[in-house]
Amino acid sequence: TALPDGRSQWITGAAARLDGHRWRAR
């Protein structure tokens, strides 16, 4: 889920990230 130093931006593409925001909205 992240590089060894903790950075995780970005593993997935734009469509998945937007979908994640829709779930946040709930």
mmCIF file of all heavy atoms, coordinates in Angstrom:
data_MODEL
# 
_entry.id   MODEL 
# 
loop_
_atom_site.group_PDB 
_atom_site.id 
_atom_site.type_symbol 
_atom_site.label_atom_id 
_atom_site.label_alt_id 
_atom_site.label_comp_id 
_atom_site.label_asym_id 
_atom_site.label_entity_id 
_atom_site.label_seq_id 
_atom_site.pdbx_PDB_ins_code 
_atom_site.Cartn_x 
_atom_site.Cartn_y 
_atom_site.Cartn_z 
_atom_site.occupancy 
_atom_site.B_iso_or_equiv 
_atom_site.pdbx_formal_charge 
_atom_site.auth_seq_id 
_atom_site.auth_comp_id 
_atom_site.auth_asym_id 
_atom_site.auth_atom_id 
_atom_site.pdbx_PDB_model_num 
ATOM 1   N N   . THR A 1 1  ? 0.806   -1.220 0.000   1.00 0.00 ? 1  THR A N   1 
ATOM 2   C CA  . THR A 1 1  ? 0.000   0.000  0.000   1.00 0.00 ? 1  THR A CA  1 
ATOM 3   C C   . THR A 1 1  ? 0.839   1.270  0.000   1.00 0.00 ? 1  THR A C   1 
ATOM 4   O O   . THR A 1 1  ? 0.312   2.365  -0.187  1.00 0.00 ? 1  THR A O   1 
ATOM 5   C CB  . THR A 1 1  ? -0.927  0.035  1.230   1.00 0.00 ? 1  THR A CB  1 
ATOM 6   O OG1 . THR A 1 1  ? -0.130  0.070  2.418   1.00 0.00 ? 1  THR A OG1 1 
ATOM 7   C CG2 . THR A 1 1  ? -1.850  -1.174 1.254   1.00 0.00 ? 1  THR A CG2 1 
ATOM 8   N N   . ALA A 1 2  ? 2.139   1.125  0.235   1.00 0.00 ? 2  ALA A N   1 
ATOM 9   C CA  . ALA A 1 2  ? 3.012   2.300  0.288   1.00 0.00 ? 2  ALA A CA  1 
ATOM 10  C C   . ALA A 1 2  ? 4.454   1.853  0.115   1.00 0.00 ? 2  ALA A C   1 
ATOM 11  O O   . ALA A 1 2  ? 4.795   0.670  0.248   1.00 0.00 ? 2  ALA A O   1 
ATOM 12  C CB  . ALA A 1 2  ? 2.846   3.036  1.616   1.00 0.00 ? 2  ALA A CB  1 
ATOM 13  N N   . LEU A 1 3  ? 5.319   2.821  -0.192  1.00 0.00 ? 3  LEU A N   1 
ATOM 14  C CA  . LEU A 1 3  ? 6.753   2.560  -0.260  1.00 0.00 ? 3  LEU A CA  1 
ATOM 15  C C   . LEU A 1 3  ? 7.292   2.346  1.159   1.00 0.00 ? 3  LEU A C   1 
ATOM 16  O O   . LEU A 1 3  ? 6.615   2.649  2.146   1.00 0.00 ? 3  LEU A O   1 
ATOM 17  C CB  . LEU A 1 3  ? 7.455   3.744  -0.923  1.00 0.00 ? 3  LEU A CB  1 
ATOM 18  C CG  . LEU A 1 3  ? 7.055   4.012  -2.386  1.00 0.00 ? 3  LEU A CG  1 
ATOM 19  C CD1 . LEU A 1 3  ? 7.729   5.273  -2.900  1.00 0.00 ? 3  LEU A CD1 1 
ATOM 20  C CD2 . LEU A 1 3  ? 7.385   2.822  -3.277  1.00 0.00 ? 3  LEU A CD2 1 
ATOM 21  N N   . PRO A 1 4  ? 8.515   1.831  1.292   1.00 0.00 ? 4  PRO A N   1 
ATOM 22  C CA  . PRO A 1 4  ? 9.055   1.577  2.633   1.00 0.00 ? 4  PRO A CA  1 
ATOM 23  C C   . PRO A 1 4  ? 9.066   2.803  3.538   1.00 0.00 ? 4  PRO A C   1 
ATOM 24  O O   . PRO A 1 4  ? 8.972   2.663  4.766   1.00 0.00 ? 4  PRO A O   1 
ATOM 25  C CB  . PRO A 1 4  ? 10.481  1.084  2.342   1.00 0.00 ? 4  PRO A CB  1 
ATOM 26  C CG  . PRO A 1 4  ? 10.386  0.453  0.992   1.00 0.00 ? 4  PRO A CG  1 
ATOM 27  C CD  . PRO A 1 4  ? 9.415   1.312  0.231   1.00 0.00 ? 4  PRO A CD  1 
ATOM 28  N N   . ASP A 1 5  ? 9.142   4.009  2.965   1.00 0.00 ? 5  ASP A N   1 
ATOM 29  C CA  . ASP A 1 5  ? 9.158   5.221  3.790   1.00 0.00 ? 5  ASP A CA  1 
ATOM 30  C C   . ASP A 1 5  ? 7.765   5.740  4.117   1.00 0.00 ? 5  ASP A C   1 
ATOM 31  O O   . ASP A 1 5  ? 7.610   6.787  4.737   1.00 0.00 ? 5  ASP A O   1 
ATOM 32  C CB  . ASP A 1 5  ? 9.981   6.324  3.118   1.00 0.00 ? 5  ASP A CB  1 
ATOM 33  C CG  . ASP A 1 5  ? 9.400   6.784  1.786   1.00 0.00 ? 5  ASP A CG  1 
ATOM 34  O OD1 . ASP A 1 5  ? 8.317   6.279  1.400   1.00 0.00 ? 5  ASP A OD1 1 
ATOM 35  O OD2 . ASP A 1 5  ? 10.019  7.645  1.132   1.00 0.00 ? 5  ASP A OD2 1 
ATOM 36  N N   . GLY A 1 6  ? 6.706   5.007  3.660   1.00 0.00 ? 6  GLY A N   1 
ATOM 37  C CA  . GLY A 1 6  ? 5.340   5.370  3.998   1.00 0.00 ? 6  GLY A CA  1 
ATOM 38  C C   . GLY A 1 6  ? 4.596   6.145  2.931   1.00 0.00 ? 6  GLY A C   1 
ATOM 39  O O   . GLY A 1 6  ? 3.385   6.333  3.035   1.00 0.00 ? 6  GLY A O   1 
ATOM 40  N N   . ARG A 1 7  ? 5.264   6.602  1.891   1.00 0.00 ? 7  ARG A N   1 
ATOM 41  C CA  . ARG A 1 7  ? 4.581   7.362  0.843   1.00 0.00 ? 7  ARG A CA  1 
ATOM 42  C C   . ARG A 1 7  ? 3.666   6.447  0.033   1.00 0.00 ? 7  ARG A C   1 
ATOM 43  O O   . ARG A 1 7  ? 4.067   5.364  -0.373  1.00 0.00 ? 7  ARG A O   1 
ATOM 44  C CB  . ARG A 1 7  ? 5.595   8.034  -0.070  1.00 0.00 ? 7  ARG A CB  1 
ATOM 45  C CG  . ARG A 1 7  ? 6.324   9.221  0.553   1.00 0.00 ? 7  ARG A CG  1 
ATOM 46  C CD  . ARG A 1 7  ? 7.354   9.767  -0.409  1.00 0.00 ? 7  ARG A CD  1 
ATOM 47  N NE  . ARG A 1 7  ? 8.418   8.799  -0.663  1.00 0.00 ? 7  ARG A NE  1 
ATOM 48  C CZ  . ARG A 1 7  ? 9.159   8.773  -1.778  1.00 0.00 ? 7  ARG A CZ  1 
ATOM 49  N NH1 . ARG A 1 7  ? 8.924   9.652  -2.734  1.00 0.00 ? 7  ARG A NH1 1 
ATOM 50  N NH2 . ARG A 1 7  ? 10.108  7.875  -1.913  1.00 0.00 ? 7  ARG A NH2 1 
ATOM 51  N N   . SER A 1 8  ? 2.426   6.926  -0.225  1.00 0.00 ? 8  SER A N   1 
ATOM 52  C CA  . SER A 1 8  ? 1.444   6.082  -0.923  1.00 0.00 ? 8  SER A CA  1 
ATOM 53  C C   . SER A 1 8  ? 0.758   6.793  -2.086  1.00 0.00 ? 8  SER A C   1 
ATOM 54  O O   . SER A 1 8  ? -0.212  6.273  -2.629  1.00 0.00 ? 8  SER A O   1 
ATOM 55  C CB  . SER A 1 8  ? 0.379   5.607  0.071   1.00 0.00 ? 8  SER A CB  1 
ATOM 56  O OG  . SER A 1 8  ? -0.332  6.701  0.617   1.00 0.00 ? 8  SER A OG  1 
ATOM 57  N N   . GLN A 1 9  ? 1.194   7.982  -2.465  1.00 0.00 ? 9  GLN A N   1 
ATOM 58  C CA  . GLN A 1 9  ? 0.548   8.736  -3.549  1.00 0.00 ? 9  GLN A CA  1 
ATOM 59  C C   . GLN A 1 9  ? 1.356   8.607  -4.846  1.00 0.00 ? 9  GLN A C   1 
ATOM 60  O O   . GLN A 1 9  ? 2.497   9.039  -4.893  1.00 0.00 ? 9  GLN A O   1 
ATOM 61  C CB  . GLN A 1 9  ? 0.419   10.201 -3.154  1.00 0.00 ? 9  GLN A CB  1 
ATOM 62  C CG  . GLN A 1 9  ? -0.426  10.424 -1.907  1.00 0.00 ? 9  GLN A CG  1 
ATOM 63  C CD  . GLN A 1 9  ? -0.425  11.878 -1.458  1.00 0.00 ? 9  GLN A CD  1 
ATOM 64  O OE1 . GLN A 1 9  ? 0.411   12.672 -1.856  1.00 0.00 ? 9  GLN A OE1 1 
ATOM 65  N NE2 . GLN A 1 9  ? -1.366  12.225 -0.588  1.00 0.00 ? 9  GLN A NE2 1 
ATOM 66  N N   . TRP A 1 10 ? 0.784   8.039  -5.940  1.00 0.00 ? 10 TRP A N   1 
ATOM 67  C CA  . TRP A 1 10 ? -0.530  7.386  -5.963  1.00 0.00 ? 10 TRP A CA  1 
ATOM 68  C C   . TRP A 1 10 ? -0.351  5.976  -6.500  1.00 0.00 ? 10 TRP A C   1 
ATOM 69  O O   . TRP A 1 10 ? 0.353   5.772  -7.496  1.00 0.00 ? 10 TRP A O   1 
ATOM 70  C CB  . TRP A 1 10 ? -1.516  8.141  -6.854  1.00 0.00 ? 10 TRP A CB  1 
ATOM 71  C CG  . TRP A 1 10 ? -1.740  9.561  -6.452  1.00 0.00 ? 10 TRP A CG  1 
ATOM 72  C CD1 . TRP A 1 10 ? -1.198  10.676 -7.005  1.00 0.00 ? 10 TRP A CD1 1 
ATOM 73  C CD2 . TRP A 1 10 ? -2.592  10.010 -5.388  1.00 0.00 ? 10 TRP A CD2 1 
ATOM 74  N NE1 . TRP A 1 10 ? -1.654  11.796 -6.378  1.00 0.00 ? 10 TRP A NE1 1 
ATOM 75  C CE2 . TRP A 1 10 ? -2.524  11.414 -5.379  1.00 0.00 ? 10 TRP A CE2 1 
ATOM 76  C CE3 . TRP A 1 10 ? -3.401  9.360  -4.478  1.00 0.00 ? 10 TRP A CE3 1 
ATOM 77  C CZ2 . TRP A 1 10 ? -3.239  12.185 -4.466  1.00 0.00 ? 10 TRP A CZ2 1 
ATOM 78  C CZ3 . TRP A 1 10 ? -4.107  10.117 -3.578  1.00 0.00 ? 10 TRP A CZ3 1 
ATOM 79  C CH2 . TRP A 1 10 ? -4.022  11.509 -3.574  1.00 0.00 ? 10 TRP A CH2 1 
ATOM 80  N N   . ILE A 1 11 ? -0.989  5.009  -5.875  1.00 0.00 ? 11 ILE A N   1 
ATOM 81  C CA  . ILE A 1 11 ? -0.933  3.629  -6.351  1.00 0.00 ? 11 ILE A CA  1 
ATOM 82  C C   . ILE A 1 11 ? -1.932  3.407  -7.474  1.00 0.00 ? 11 ILE A C   1 
ATOM 83  O O   . ILE A 1 11 ? -1.638  2.751  -8.472  1.00 0.00 ? 11 ILE A O   1 
ATOM 84  C CB  . ILE A 1 11 ? -1.184  2.654  -5.182  1.00 0.00 ? 11 ILE A CB  1 
ATOM 85  C CG1 . ILE A 1 11 ? 0.044   2.616  -4.267  1.00 0.00 ? 11 ILE A CG1 1 
ATOM 86  C CG2 . ILE A 1 11 ? -1.498  1.245  -5.689  1.00 0.00 ? 11 ILE A CG2 1 
ATOM 87  C CD1 . ILE A 1 11 ? -0.100  1.722  -3.076  1.00 0.00 ? 11 ILE A CD1 1 
ATOM 88  N N   . THR A 1 12 ? -3.127  3.970  -7.341  1.00 0.00 ? 12 THR A N   1 
ATOM 89  C CA  . THR A 1 12 ? -4.199  3.761  -8.322  1.00 0.00 ? 12 THR A CA  1 
ATOM 90  C C   . THR A 1 12 ? -4.345  4.963  -9.248  1.00 0.00 ? 12 THR A C   1 
ATOM 91  O O   . THR A 1 12 ? -3.780  6.034  -9.020  1.00 0.00 ? 12 THR A O   1 
ATOM 92  C CB  . THR A 1 12 ? -5.531  3.502  -7.611  1.00 0.00 ? 12 THR A CB  1 
ATOM 93  O OG1 . THR A 1 12 ? -5.792  4.593  -6.715  1.00 0.00 ? 12 THR A OG1 1 
ATOM 94  C CG2 . THR A 1 12 ? -5.498  2.199  -6.834  1.00 0.00 ? 12 THR A CG2 1 
ATOM 95  N N   . GLY A 1 13 ? -5.167  4.780  -10.287 1.00 0.00 ? 13 GLY A N   1 
ATOM 96  C CA  . GLY A 1 13 ? -5.411  5.825  -11.263 1.00 0.00 ? 13 GLY A CA  1 
ATOM 97  C C   . GLY A 1 13 ? -6.523  6.766  -10.852 1.00 0.00 ? 13 GLY A C   1 
ATOM 98  O O   . GLY A 1 13 ? -7.147  6.621  -9.787  1.00 0.00 ? 13 GLY A O   1 
ATOM 99  N N   . ALA A 1 14 ? -6.813  7.733  -11.733 1.00 0.00 ? 14 ALA A N   1 
ATOM 100 C CA  . ALA A 1 14 ? -7.771  8.798  -11.424 1.00 0.00 ? 14 ALA A CA  1 
ATOM 101 C C   . ALA A 1 14 ? -9.178  8.268  -11.186 1.00 0.00 ? 14 ALA A C   1 
ATOM 102 O O   . ALA A 1 14 ? -9.893  8.753  -10.303 1.00 0.00 ? 14 ALA A O   1 
ATOM 103 C CB  . ALA A 1 14 ? -7.776  9.825  -12.554 1.00 0.00 ? 14 ALA A CB  1 
ATOM 104 N N   . ALA A 1 15 ? -9.624  7.276  -11.970 1.00 0.00 ? 15 ALA A N   1 
ATOM 105 C CA  . ALA A 1 15 ? -10.989 6.757  -11.824 1.00 0.00 ? 15 ALA A CA  1 
ATOM 106 C C   . ALA A 1 15 ? -11.189 6.124  -10.453 1.00 0.00 ? 15 ALA A C   1 
ATOM 107 O O   . ALA A 1 15 ? -12.222 6.332  -9.807  1.00 0.00 ? 15 ALA A O   1 
ATOM 108 C CB  . ALA A 1 15 ? -11.294 5.744  -12.932 1.00 0.00 ? 15 ALA A CB  1 
ATOM 109 N N   . ALA A 1 16 ? -10.223 5.350  -9.993  1.00 0.00 ? 16 ALA A N   1 
ATOM 110 C CA  . ALA A 1 16 ? -10.331 4.715  -8.676  1.00 0.00 ? 16 ALA A CA  1 
ATOM 111 C C   . ALA A 1 16 ? -10.290 5.756  -7.566  1.00 0.00 ? 16 ALA A C   1 
ATOM 112 O O   . ALA A 1 16 ? -11.010 5.650  -6.570  1.00 0.00 ? 16 ALA A O   1 
ATOM 113 C CB  . ALA A 1 16 ? -9.208  3.692  -8.491  1.00 0.00 ? 16 ALA A CB  1 
ATOM 114 N N   . ARG A 1 17 ? -9.463  6.783  -7.742  1.00 0.00 ? 17 ARG A N   1 
ATOM 115 C CA  . ARG A 1 17 ? -9.373  7.811  -6.692  1.00 0.00 ? 17 ARG A CA  1 
ATOM 116 C C   . ARG A 1 17 ? -10.673 8.607  -6.592  1.00 0.00 ? 17 ARG A C   1 
ATOM 117 O O   . ARG A 1 17 ? -11.119 8.940  -5.492  1.00 0.00 ? 17 ARG A O   1 
ATOM 118 C CB  . ARG A 1 17 ? -8.187  8.741  -6.967  1.00 0.00 ? 17 ARG A CB  1 
ATOM 119 C CG  . ARG A 1 17 ? -6.841  8.039  -6.886  1.00 0.00 ? 17 ARG A CG  1 
ATOM 120 C CD  . ARG A 1 17 ? -5.703  9.007  -6.672  1.00 0.00 ? 17 ARG A CD  1 
ATOM 121 N NE  . ARG A 1 17 ? -5.567  9.977  -7.749  1.00 0.00 ? 17 ARG A NE  1 
ATOM 122 C CZ  . ARG A 1 17 ? -4.864  9.785  -8.857  1.00 0.00 ? 17 ARG A CZ  1 
ATOM 123 N NH1 . ARG A 1 17 ? -4.255  8.619  -9.054  1.00 0.00 ? 17 ARG A NH1 1 
ATOM 124 N NH2 . ARG A 1 17 ? -4.764  10.735 -9.764  1.00 0.00 ? 17 ARG A NH2 1 
ATOM 125 N N   . LEU A 1 18 ? -11.304 8.911  -7.728  1.00 0.00 ? 18 LEU A N   1 
ATOM 126 C CA  . LEU A 1 18 ? -12.590 9.607  -7.691  1.00 0.00 ? 18 LEU A CA  1 
ATOM 127 C C   . LEU A 1 18 ? -13.652 8.729  -7.038  1.00 0.00 ? 18 LEU A C   1 
ATOM 128 O O   . LEU A 1 18 ? -14.471 9.207  -6.238  1.00 0.00 ? 18 LEU A O   1 
ATOM 129 C CB  . LEU A 1 18 ? -13.028 9.999  -9.099  1.00 0.00 ? 18 LEU A CB  1 
ATOM 130 C CG  . LEU A 1 18 ? -14.398 10.685 -9.213  1.00 0.00 ? 18 LEU A CG  1 
ATOM 131 C CD1 . LEU A 1 18 ? -14.447 11.961 -8.380  1.00 0.00 ? 18 LEU A CD1 1 
ATOM 132 C CD2 . LEU A 1 18 ? -14.742 10.982 -10.664 1.00 0.00 ? 18 LEU A CD2 1 
ATOM 133 N N   . ASP A 1 19 ? -13.632 7.445  -7.354  1.00 0.00 ? 19 ASP A N   1 
ATOM 134 C CA  . ASP A 1 19 ? -14.581 6.522  -6.729  1.00 0.00 ? 19 ASP A CA  1 
ATOM 135 C C   . ASP A 1 19 ? -14.380 6.497  -5.215  1.00 0.00 ? 19 ASP A C   1 
ATOM 136 O O   . ASP A 1 19 ? -15.346 6.449  -4.448  1.00 0.00 ? 19 ASP A O   1 
ATOM 137 C CB  . ASP A 1 19 ? -14.399 5.118  -7.309  1.00 0.00 ? 19 ASP A CB  1 
ATOM 138 C CG  . ASP A 1 19 ? -15.462 4.150  -6.825  1.00 0.00 ? 19 ASP A CG  1 
ATOM 139 O OD1 . ASP A 1 19 ? -16.624 4.268  -7.263  1.00 0.00 ? 19 ASP A OD1 1 
ATOM 140 O OD2 . ASP A 1 19 ? -15.144 3.283  -5.982  1.00 0.00 ? 19 ASP A OD2 1 
ATOM 141 N N   . GLY A 1 20 ? -13.137 6.559  -4.786  1.00 0.00 ? 20 GLY A N   1 
ATOM 142 C CA  . GLY A 1 20 ? -12.860 6.598  -3.359  1.00 0.00 ? 20 GLY A CA  1 
ATOM 143 C C   . GLY A 1 20 ? -13.469 7.812  -2.686  1.00 0.00 ? 20 GLY A C   1 
ATOM 144 O O   . GLY A 1 20 ? -13.950 7.732  -1.545  1.00 0.00 ? 20 GLY A O   1 
ATOM 145 N N   . HIS A 1 21 ? -13.486 8.947  -3.393  1.00 0.00 ? 21 HIS A N   1 
ATOM 146 C CA  . HIS A 1 21 ? -14.102 10.153 -2.833  1.00 0.00 ? 21 HIS A CA  1 
ATOM 147 C C   . HIS A 1 21 ? -15.617 9.989  -2.715  1.00 0.00 ? 21 HIS A C   1 
ATOM 148 O O   . HIS A 1 21 ? -16.229 10.534 -1.783  1.00 0.00 ? 21 HIS A O   1 
ATOM 149 C CB  . HIS A 1 21 ? -13.764 11.365 -3.701  1.00 0.00 ? 21 HIS A CB  1 
ATOM 150 C CG  . HIS A 1 21 ? -12.392 11.910 -3.440  1.00 0.00 ? 21 HIS A CG  1 
ATOM 151 N ND1 . HIS A 1 21 ? -12.123 12.755 -2.398  1.00 0.00 ? 21 HIS A ND1 1 
ATOM 152 C CD2 . HIS A 1 21 ? -11.214 11.696 -4.079  1.00 0.00 ? 21 HIS A CD2 1 
ATOM 153 C CE1 . HIS A 1 21 ? -10.835 13.067 -2.417  1.00 0.00 ? 21 HIS A CE1 1 
ATOM 154 N NE2 . HIS A 1 21 ? -10.258 12.430 -3.423  1.00 0.00 ? 21 HIS A NE2 1 
ATOM 155 N N   . ARG A 1 22 ? -16.228 9.245  -3.628  1.00 0.00 ? 22 ARG A N   1 
ATOM 156 C CA  . ARG A 1 22 ? -17.677 8.994  -3.518  1.00 0.00 ? 22 ARG A CA  1 
ATOM 157 C C   . ARG A 1 22 ? -17.987 8.189  -2.259  1.00 0.00 ? 22 ARG A C   1 
ATOM 158 O O   . ARG A 1 22 ? -19.020 8.415  -1.611  1.00 0.00 ? 22 ARG A O   1 
ATOM 159 C CB  . ARG A 1 22 ? -18.173 8.264  -4.766  1.00 0.00 ? 22 ARG A CB  1 
ATOM 160 C CG  . ARG A 1 22 ? -18.072 9.081  -6.055  1.00 0.00 ? 22 ARG A CG  1 
ATOM 161 C CD  . ARG A 1 22 ? -18.824 8.426  -7.189  1.00 0.00 ? 22 ARG A CD  1 
ATOM 162 N NE  . ARG A 1 22 ? -18.731 9.201  -8.420  1.00 0.00 ? 22 ARG A NE  1 
ATOM 163 C CZ  . ARG A 1 22 ? -17.946 8.894  -9.446  1.00 0.00 ? 22 ARG A CZ  1 
ATOM 164 N NH1 . ARG A 1 22 ? -17.189 7.803  -9.393  1.00 0.00 ? 22 ARG A NH1 1 
ATOM 165 N NH2 . ARG A 1 22 ? -17.912 9.656  -10.521 1.00 0.00 ? 22 ARG A NH2 1 
ATOM 166 N N   . TRP A 1 23 ? -17.106 7.266  -1.902  1.00 0.00 ? 23 TRP A N   1 
ATOM 167 C CA  . TRP A 1 23 ? -17.318 6.503  -0.671  1.00 0.00 ? 23 TRP A CA  1 
ATOM 168 C C   . TRP A 1 23 ? -17.041 7.358  0.554   1.00 0.00 ? 23 TRP A C   1 
ATOM 169 O O   . TRP A 1 23 ? -17.712 7.232  1.575   1.00 0.00 ? 23 TRP A O   1 
ATOM 170 C CB  . TRP A 1 23 ? -16.451 5.238  -0.676  1.00 0.00 ? 23 TRP A CB  1 
ATOM 171 C CG  . TRP A 1 23 ? -16.956 4.208  -1.632  1.00 0.00 ? 23 TRP A CG  1 
ATOM 172 C CD1 . TRP A 1 23 ? -16.506 3.955  -2.894  1.00 0.00 ? 23 TRP A CD1 1 
ATOM 173 C CD2 . TRP A 1 23 ? -18.046 3.305  -1.417  1.00 0.00 ? 23 TRP A CD2 1 
ATOM 174 N NE1 . TRP A 1 23 ? -17.237 2.960  -3.482  1.00 0.00 ? 23 TRP A NE1 1 
ATOM 175 C CE2 . TRP A 1 23 ? -18.191 2.535  -2.602  1.00 0.00 ? 23 TRP A CE2 1 
ATOM 176 C CE3 . TRP A 1 23 ? -18.910 3.069  -0.356  1.00 0.00 ? 23 TRP A CE3 1 
ATOM 177 C CZ2 . TRP A 1 23 ? -19.163 1.551  -2.729  1.00 0.00 ? 23 TRP A CZ2 1 
ATOM 178 C CZ3 . TRP A 1 23 ? -19.880 2.086  -0.480  1.00 0.00 ? 23 TRP A CZ3 1 
ATOM 179 C CH2 . TRP A 1 23 ? -19.998 1.337  -1.654  1.00 0.00 ? 23 TRP A CH2 1 
ATOM 180 N N   . ARG A 1 24 ? -16.050 8.228  0.461   1.00 0.00 ? 24 ARG A N   1 
ATOM 181 C CA  . ARG A 1 24 ? -15.826 9.172  1.557   1.00 0.00 ? 24 ARG A CA  1 
ATOM 182 C C   . ARG A 1 24 ? -17.074 10.001 1.836   1.00 0.00 ? 24 ARG A C   1 
ATOM 183 O O   . ARG A 1 24 ? -17.397 10.296 2.991   1.00 0.00 ? 24 ARG A O   1 
ATOM 184 C CB  . ARG A 1 24 ? -14.676 10.123 1.210   1.00 0.00 ? 24 ARG A CB  1 
ATOM 185 C CG  . ARG A 1 24 ? -13.277 9.591  1.349   1.00 0.00 ? 24 ARG A CG  1 
ATOM 186 C CD  . ARG A 1 24 ? -12.283 10.725 1.100   1.00 0.00 ? 24 ARG A CD  1 
ATOM 187 N NE  . ARG A 1 24 ? -10.895 10.288 1.179   1.00 0.00 ? 24 ARG A NE  1 
ATOM 188 C CZ  . ARG A 1 24 ? -9.848  11.093 1.079   1.00 0.00 ? 24 ARG A CZ  1 
ATOM 189 N NH1 . ARG A 1 24 ? -10.048 12.396 0.893   1.00 0.00 ? 24 ARG A NH1 1 
ATOM 190 N NH2 . ARG A 1 24 ? -8.627  10.622 1.162   1.00 0.00 ? 24 ARG A NH2 1 
ATOM 191 N N   . ALA A 1 25 ? -17.755 10.403 0.767   1.00 0.00 ? 25 ALA A N   1 
ATOM 192 C CA  . ALA A 1 25 ? -18.910 11.298 0.903   1.00 0.00 ? 25 ALA A CA  1 
ATOM 193 C C   . ALA A 1 25 ? -20.017 10.690 1.745   1.00 0.00 ? 25 ALA A C   1 
ATOM 194 O O   . ALA A 1 25 ? -20.837 11.415 2.322   1.00 0.00 ? 25 ALA A O   1 
ATOM 195 C CB  . ALA A 1 25 ? -19.446 11.668 -0.480  1.00 0.00 ? 25 ALA A CB  1 
ATOM 196 N N   . ARG A 1 26 ? -20.076 9.374  1.828   1.00 0.00 ? 26 ARG A N   1 
ATOM 197 C CA  . ARG A 1 26 ? -21.132 8.709  2.600   1.00 0.00 ? 26 ARG A CA  1 
ATOM 198 C C   . ARG A 1 26 ? -20.925 8.817  4.105   1.00 0.00 ? 26 ARG A C   1 
ATOM 199 O O   . ARG A 1 26 ? -21.849 8.584  4.879   1.00 0.00 ? 26 ARG A O   1 
ATOM 200 C CB  . ARG A 1 26 ? -21.200 7.226  2.218   1.00 0.00 ? 26 ARG A CB  1 
ATOM 201 C CG  . ARG A 1 26 ? -21.633 6.951  0.795   1.00 0.00 ? 26 ARG A CG  1 
ATOM 202 C CD  . ARG A 1 26 ? -21.572 5.464  0.496   1.00 0.00 ? 26 ARG A CD  1 
ATOM 203 N NE  . ARG A 1 26 ? -22.374 4.690  1.431   1.00 0.00 ? 26 ARG A NE  1 
ATOM 204 C CZ  . ARG A 1 26 ? -23.377 3.889  1.078   1.00 0.00 ? 26 ARG A CZ  1 
ATOM 205 N NH1 . ARG A 1 26 ? -23.715 3.782  -0.196  1.00 0.00 ? 26 ARG A NH1 1 
ATOM 206 N NH2 . ARG A 1 26 ? -24.035 3.209  1.982   1.00 0.00 ? 26 ARG A NH2 1 
# 
